[in-house]
Amino acid sequence: MEKKITFNELRKIKDSLPDGSIRQIAQEFEMEVETVRNYFGGANYDRGKSVGIHLEPGPNGGIVLLDDTKILDRAQELLAQVN
């Protein structure tokens, strides 16, 4: 399922995650930690893969189109558990 979100919103979610969450998500989805970081706007393609995010310039860091929301959905579930 596709979703549009601002880059700043996506980074805020990542920055709000509890310690170890990126590694936990990577393990749950059987992917490299750097791939999950790339999903949240990172750019380490030597160790991680592209995960279907498309950036368009604009306000609030631009618009990000996510091809698949499973990583975002899981991150939001982890945040809900903390709050």
Protein backbone atom coordinates (compact mmCIF):
# COMPACT_ATOMS: atom_id res chain seq x y z
CA MET A 1 0.00 0.00 0.00
CA GLU A 2 1.39 3.41 -0.95
CA LYS A 3 1.49 6.36 1.39
CA LYS A 4 2.63 9.98 1.17
CA ILE A 5 4.32 11.59 4.15
CA THR A 6 6.62 14.57 4.55
CA PHE A 7 10.30 13.84 4.95
CA ASN A 8 10.31 15.71 8.27
CA GLU A 9 7.43 13.57 9.58
CA LEU A 10 9.24 10.40 8.55
CA ARG A 11 12.44 11.52 10.29
CA LYS A 12 10.50 12.53 13.41
CA ILE A 13 9.06 9.00 13.64
CA LYS A 14 12.54 7.49 13.28
CA ASP A 15 14.03 9.86 15.84
CA SER A 16 11.22 9.10 18.32
CA LEU A 17 11.75 5.33 18.24
CA PRO A 18 13.19 3.73 21.37
CA ASP A 19 16.79 2.53 21.25
CA GLY A 20 17.17 -0.72 19.36
CA SER A 21 13.95 -0.32 17.36
CA ILE A 22 15.66 -0.06 13.98
CA ARG A 23 17.53 -3.31 14.67
CA GLN A 24 14.31 -4.96 15.90
CA ILE A 25 12.41 -3.96 12.75
CA ALA A 26 15.29 -5.20 10.59
CA GLN A 27 15.24 -8.57 12.34
CA GLU A 28 11.46 -8.89 12.11
CA PHE A 29 11.49 -8.25 8.36
CA GLU A 30 14.75 -10.14 7.77
CA MET A 31 16.66 -7.22 6.27
CA GLU A 32 19.85 -5.29 6.96
CA VAL A 33 19.74 -2.54 9.59
CA GLU A 34 21.01 -0.07 6.98
CA THR A 35 18.07 -0.94 4.73
CA VAL A 36 15.66 0.11 7.49
CA ARG A 37 17.68 3.30 8.01
CA ASN A 38 17.47 3.98 4.27
CA TYR A 39 13.68 3.67 4.54
CA PHE A 40 13.74 6.55 7.02
CA GLY A 41 15.83 8.74 4.72
CA GLY A 42 19.32 7.30 5.06
CA ALA A 43 21.56 6.79 2.05
CA ASN A 44 23.91 3.91 2.82
CA TYR A 45 23.48 1.74 -0.24
CA ASP A 46 26.82 -0.05 0.21
CA ARG A 47 25.46 -2.02 3.17
CA GLY A 48 21.72 -1.46 2.80
CA LYS A 49 19.25 -1.59 -0.05
CA SER A 50 16.73 0.81 -1.49
CA VAL A 51 13.29 0.07 -0.12
CA GLY A 52 10.90 1.92 -2.39
CA ILE A 53 10.90 5.48 -1.20
CA HIS A 54 10.61 8.32 -3.67
CA LEU A 55 11.46 11.90 -2.69
CA GLU A 56 9.89 14.99 -4.21
CA PRO A 57 11.18 18.46 -3.28
CA GLY A 58 8.83 20.61 -1.26
CA PRO A 59 8.12 22.11 2.15
CA ASN A 60 8.91 20.19 5.35
CA GLY A 61 11.81 18.41 3.69
CA GLY A 62 9.73 17.38 0.70
CA ILE A 63 7.20 14.65 0.11
CA VAL A 64 8.10 10.99 0.42
CA LEU A 65 6.09 8.38 -1.44
CA LEU A 66 6.42 5.00 0.26
CA ASP A 67 5.72 1.99 -1.98
CA ASP A 68 5.16 -0.26 1.05
CA THR A 69 4.20 0.92 4.54
CA LYS A 70 5.03 -2.21 6.57
CA ILE A 71 8.18 -0.66 8.11
CA LEU A 72 6.37 2.60 8.88
CA ASP A 73 3.40 0.70 10.33
CA ARG A 74 5.68 -1.35 12.59
CA ALA A 75 7.54 1.78 13.73
CA GLN A 76 4.23 3.42 14.63
CA GLU A 77 3.19 0.29 16.57
CA LEU A 78 6.44 0.46 18.56
CA LEU A 79 5.85 4.15 19.29
CA ALA A 80 2.30 3.41 20.46
CA GLN A 81 3.67 0.81 22.89
CA VAL A 82 6.02 3.39 24.40
CA ASN A 83 3.33 6.06 24.69
